[in-house]
């Protein structure tokens, strides 16, 4: 975000990532392949 002109906030970057993931999930549904959440394991969710 700091390299952008003007610099982007963390919220702006998070929004872009969220939209990219939604776009990828929609495309995966259209192609009949697993979505982005399919790669998330229970170990990754441990805080």
PDB file of N, CA and C in Angstrom:
ATOM      1  N   UNK A   1       0.791  -1.192   0.000  1.00  0.00           N
ATOM      2  CA  UNK A   1       0.000   0.000   0.000  1.00  0.00           C
ATOM      3  C   UNK A   1       0.832   1.254   0.000  1.00  0.00           C
ATOM      4  N   UNK A   2       1.986   1.199   0.666  1.00  0.00           N
ATOM      5  CA  UNK A   2       2.838   2.390   0.738  1.00  0.00           C
ATOM      6  C   UNK A   2       3.437   2.715  -0.621  1.00  0.00           C
ATOM      7  N   UNK A   3       3.561   1.719  -1.507  1.00  0.00           N
ATOM      8  CA  UNK A   3       4.159   1.952  -2.817  1.00  0.00           C
ATOM      9  C   UNK A   3       3.173   2.553  -3.813  1.00  0.00           C
ATOM     10  N   UNK A   4       1.886   2.515  -3.490  1.00  0.00           N
ATOM     11  CA  UNK A   4       0.878   3.089  -4.378  1.00  0.00           C
ATOM     12  C   UNK A   4       0.943   4.605  -4.312  1.00  0.00           C
ATOM     13  N   UNK A   5       0.446   5.254  -5.360  1.00  0.00           N
ATOM     14  CA  UNK A   5       0.426   6.718  -5.379  1.00  0.00           C
ATOM     15  C   UNK A   5      -0.990   7.170  -5.654  1.00  0.00           C
ATOM     16  N   UNK A   6      -1.739   7.692  -4.703  1.00  0.00           N
ATOM     17  CA  UNK A   6      -1.366   7.919  -3.301  1.00  0.00           C
ATOM     18  C   UNK A   6      -1.361   6.601  -2.520  1.00  0.00           C
ATOM     19  N   UNK A   7      -0.668   6.584  -1.383  1.00  0.00           N
ATOM     20  CA  UNK A   7      -0.590   5.365  -0.574  1.00  0.00           C
ATOM     21  C   UNK A   7      -1.985   4.849  -0.188  1.00  0.00           C
ATOM     22  N   UNK A   8      -2.114   3.512  -0.123  1.00  0.00           N
ATOM     23  CA  UNK A   8      -3.384   2.892   0.240  1.00  0.00           C
ATOM     24  C   UNK A   8      -3.378   2.510   1.713  1.00  0.00           C
ATOM     25  N   UNK A   9      -4.543   2.577   2.327  1.00  0.00           N
ATOM     26  CA  UNK A   9      -4.671   2.157   3.720  1.00  0.00           C
ATOM     27  C   UNK A   9      -4.788   0.633   3.790  1.00  0.00           C
ATOM     28  N   UNK A  10      -4.617   0.103   4.990  1.00  0.00           N
ATOM     29  CA  UNK A  10      -4.796  -1.340   5.188  1.00  0.00           C
ATOM     30  C   UNK A  10      -6.217  -1.758   4.818  1.00  0.00           C
ATOM     31  N   UNK A  11      -7.196  -0.918   5.138  1.00  0.00           N
ATOM     32  CA  UNK A  11      -8.587  -1.220   4.815  1.00  0.00           C
ATOM     33  C   UNK A  11      -8.806  -1.283   3.303  1.00  0.00           C
ATOM     34  N   UNK A  12      -8.178  -0.388   2.560  1.00  0.00           N
ATOM     35  CA  UNK A  12      -8.315  -0.388   1.103  1.00  0.00           C
ATOM     36  C   UNK A  12      -7.709  -1.656   0.504  1.00  0.00           C
ATOM     37  N   UNK A  13      -6.569  -2.063   1.020  1.00  0.00           N
ATOM     38  CA  UNK A  13      -5.924  -3.279   0.529  1.00  0.00           C
ATOM     39  C   UNK A  13      -6.767  -4.499   0.882  1.00  0.00           C
ATOM     40  N   UNK A  14      -7.303  -4.547   2.101  1.00  0.00           N
ATOM     41  CA  UNK A  14      -8.155  -5.665   2.517  1.00  0.00           C
ATOM     42  C   UNK A  14      -9.389  -5.750   1.624  1.00  0.00           C
ATOM     43  N   UNK A  15      -9.960  -4.620   1.270  1.00  0.00           N
ATOM     44  CA  UNK A  15     -11.125  -4.595   0.380  1.00  0.00           C
ATOM     45  C   UNK A  15     -10.796  -5.150  -0.987  1.00  0.00           C
ATOM     46  N   UNK A  16      -9.626  -4.791  -1.504  1.00  0.00           N
ATOM     47  CA  UNK A  16      -9.218  -5.300  -2.812  1.00  0.00           C
ATOM     48  C   UNK A  16      -9.015  -6.806  -2.771  1.00  0.00           C
ATOM     49  N   UNK A  17      -8.379  -7.282  -1.688  1.00  0.00           N
ATOM     50  CA  UNK A  17      -8.164  -8.725  -1.549  1.00  0.00           C
ATOM     51  C   UNK A  17      -9.499  -9.451  -1.447  1.00  0.00           C
ATOM     52  N   UNK A  18     -10.435  -8.891  -0.669  1.00  0.00           N
ATOM     53  CA  UNK A  18     -11.761  -9.492  -0.513  1.00  0.00           C
ATOM     54  C   UNK A  18     -12.465  -9.594  -1.871  1.00  0.00           C
ATOM     55  N   UNK A  19     -12.391  -8.530  -2.675  1.00  0.00           N
ATOM     56  CA  UNK A  19     -13.027  -8.548  -3.995  1.00  0.00           C
ATOM     57  C   UNK A  19     -12.351  -9.545  -4.934  1.00  0.00           C
ATOM     58  N   UNK A  20     -11.022  -9.649  -4.871  1.00  0.00           N
ATOM     59  CA  UNK A  20     -10.303 -10.624  -5.701  1.00  0.00           C
ATOM     60  C   UNK A  20     -10.682 -12.054  -5.318  1.00  0.00           C
ATOM     61  N   UNK A  21     -10.788 -12.326  -4.012  1.00  0.00           N
ATOM     62  CA  UNK A  21     -11.188 -13.663  -3.568  1.00  0.00           C
ATOM     63  C   UNK A  21     -12.612 -13.985  -4.021  1.00  0.00           C
ATOM     64  N   UNK A  22     -13.508 -13.013  -3.946  1.00  0.00           N
ATOM     65  CA  UNK A  22     -14.887 -13.222  -4.393  1.00  0.00           C
ATOM     66  C   UNK A  22     -14.918 -13.512  -5.890  1.00  0.00           C
ATOM     67  N   UNK A  23     -14.116 -12.791  -6.654  1.00  0.00           N
ATOM     68  CA  UNK A  23     -14.040 -13.006  -8.089  1.00  0.00           C
ATOM     69  C   UNK A  23     -13.491 -14.399  -8.393  1.00  0.00           C
ATOM     70  N   UNK A  24     -12.449 -14.809  -7.667  1.00  0.00           N
ATOM     71  CA  UNK A  24     -11.863 -16.141  -7.854  1.00  0.00           C
ATOM     72  C   UNK A  24     -12.864 -17.229  -7.486  1.00  0.00           C
ATOM     73  N   UNK A  25     -13.617 -17.038  -6.404  1.00  0.00           N
ATOM     74  CA  UNK A  25     -14.622 -18.026  -5.991  1.00  0.00           C
ATOM     75  C   UNK A  25     -15.739 -18.144  -7.028  1.00  0.00           C
ATOM     76  N   UNK A  26     -16.161 -17.019  -7.578  1.00  0.00           N
ATOM     77  CA  UNK A  26     -17.208 -17.050  -8.610  1.00  0.00           C
ATOM     78  C   UNK A  26     -16.707 -17.796  -9.839  1.00  0.00           C
ATOM     79  N   UNK A  27     -15.492 -17.527 -10.239  1.00  0.00           N
ATOM     80  CA  UNK A  27     -14.916 -18.208 -11.413  1.00  0.00           C
ATOM     81  C   UNK A  27     -14.771 -19.706 -11.152  1.00  0.00           C
ATOM     82  N   UNK A  28     -14.365 -20.061  -9.944  1.00  0.00           N
ATOM     83  CA  UNK A  28     -14.232 -21.469  -9.591  1.00  0.00           C
ATOM     84  C   UNK A  28     -15.586 -22.162  -9.672  1.00  0.00           C
ATOM     85  N   UNK A  29     -16.641 -21.505  -9.176  1.00  0.00           N
ATOM     86  CA  UNK A  29     -17.994 -22.081  -9.265  1.00  0.00           C
ATOM     87  C   UNK A  29     -18.388 -22.288 -10.721  1.00  0.00           C
ATOM     88  N   UNK A  30     -18.083 -21.304 -11.569  1.00  0.00           N
ATOM     89  CA  UNK A  30     -18.418 -21.402 -12.990  1.00  0.00           C
ATOM     90  C   UNK A  30     -17.688 -22.571 -13.646  1.00  0.00           C
ATOM     91  N   UNK A  31     -16.463 -22.844 -13.203  1.00  0.00           N
ATOM     92  CA  UNK A  31     -15.661 -23.918 -13.792  1.00  0.00           C
ATOM     93  C   UNK A  31     -15.865 -25.262 -13.088  1.00  0.00           C
ATOM     94  N   UNK A  32     -16.588 -25.251 -11.969  1.00  0.00           N
ATOM     95  CA  UNK A  32     -16.835 -26.480 -11.233  1.00  0.00           C
ATOM     96  C   UNK A  32     -15.615 -27.004 -10.502  1.00  0.00           C
ATOM     97  N   UNK A  33     -14.763 -26.097 -10.046  1.00  0.00           N
ATOM     98  CA  UNK A  33     -13.566 -26.492  -9.295  1.00  0.00           C
ATOM     99  C   UNK A  33     -13.666 -25.953  -7.870  1.00  0.00           C
ATOM    100  N   UNK A  34     -12.848 -26.474  -6.937  1.00  0.00           N
ATOM    101  CA  UNK A  34     -12.918 -26.007  -5.549  1.00  0.00           C
ATOM    102  C   UNK A  34     -12.618 -24.508  -5.436  1.00  0.00           C
ATOM    103  N   UNK A  35     -13.286 -23.856  -4.478  1.00  0.00           N
ATOM    104  CA  UNK A  35     -13.072 -22.425  -4.274  1.00  0.00           C
ATOM    105  C   UNK A  35     -11.855 -22.172  -3.388  1.00  0.00           C
ATOM    106  N   UNK A  36     -11.619 -20.923  -3.056  1.00  0.00           N
ATOM    107  CA  UNK A  36     -10.430 -20.555  -2.284  1.00  0.00           C
ATOM    108  C   UNK A  36     -10.459 -21.105  -0.864  1.00  0.00           C
ATOM    109  N   UNK A  37     -11.640 -21.332  -0.305  1.00  0.00           N
ATOM    110  CA  UNK A  37     -11.725 -21.859   1.054  1.00  0.00           C
ATOM    111  C   UNK A  37     -11.412 -23.350   1.124  1.00  0.00           C
ATOM    112  N   UNK A  38     -11.404 -24.025  -0.009  1.00  0.00           N
ATOM    113  CA  UNK A  38     -11.128 -25.460  -0.032  1.00  0.00           C
ATOM    114  C   UNK A  38      -9.702 -25.757   0.428  1.00  0.00           C
ATOM    115  N   UNK A  39      -8.815 -24.795   0.295  1.00  0.00           N
ATOM    116  CA  UNK A  39      -7.414 -25.001   0.666  1.00  0.00           C
ATOM    117  C   UNK A  39      -7.147 -24.700   2.140  1.00  0.00           C
ATOM    118  N   UNK A  40      -8.148 -24.193   2.860  1.00  0.00           N
ATOM    119  CA  UNK A  40      -7.976 -23.839   4.267  1.00  0.00           C
ATOM    120  C   UNK A  40      -8.145 -25.092   5.124  1.00  0.00           C
ATOM    121  N   UNK A  41      -7.128 -25.379   5.931  1.00  0.00           N
ATOM    122  CA  UNK A  41      -7.177 -26.548   6.814  1.00  0.00           C
ATOM    123  C   UNK A  41      -7.514 -26.085   8.234  1.00  0.00           C
ATOM    124  N   UNK A  42      -7.977 -26.988   9.108  1.00  0.00           N
ATOM    125  CA  UNK A  42      -8.271 -26.600  10.491  1.00  0.00           C
ATOM    126  C   UNK A  42      -7.038 -26.035  11.214  1.00  0.00           C
ATOM    127  N   UNK A  43      -5.849 -26.514  10.879  1.00  0.00           N
ATOM    128  CA  UNK A  43      -4.628 -25.987  11.506  1.00  0.00           C
ATOM    129  C   UNK A  43      -4.435 -24.504  11.225  1.00  0.00           C
ATOM    130  N   UNK A  44      -4.883 -24.052  10.066  1.00  0.00           N
ATOM    131  CA  UNK A  44      -4.725 -22.645   9.697  1.00  0.00           C
ATOM    132  C   UNK A  44      -5.647 -21.745  10.517  1.00  0.00           C
ATOM    133  N   UNK A  45      -6.699 -22.305  11.095  1.00  0.00           N
ATOM    134  CA  UNK A  45      -7.684 -21.514  11.826  1.00  0.00           C
ATOM    135  C   UNK A  45      -7.360 -21.373  13.304  1.00  0.00           C
ATOM    136  N   UNK A  46      -6.299 -22.017  13.773  1.00  0.00           N
ATOM    137  CA  UNK A  46      -5.906 -21.932  15.168  1.00  0.00           C
ATOM    138  C   UNK A  46      -5.316 -20.551  15.430  1.00  0.00           C
ATOM    139  N   UNK A  47      -5.807 -19.901  16.465  1.00  0.00           N
ATOM    140  CA  UNK A  47      -5.359 -18.538  16.761  1.00  0.00           C
ATOM    141  C   UNK A  47      -4.342 -18.549  17.886  1.00  0.00           C
TER     142      UNK A  47
END
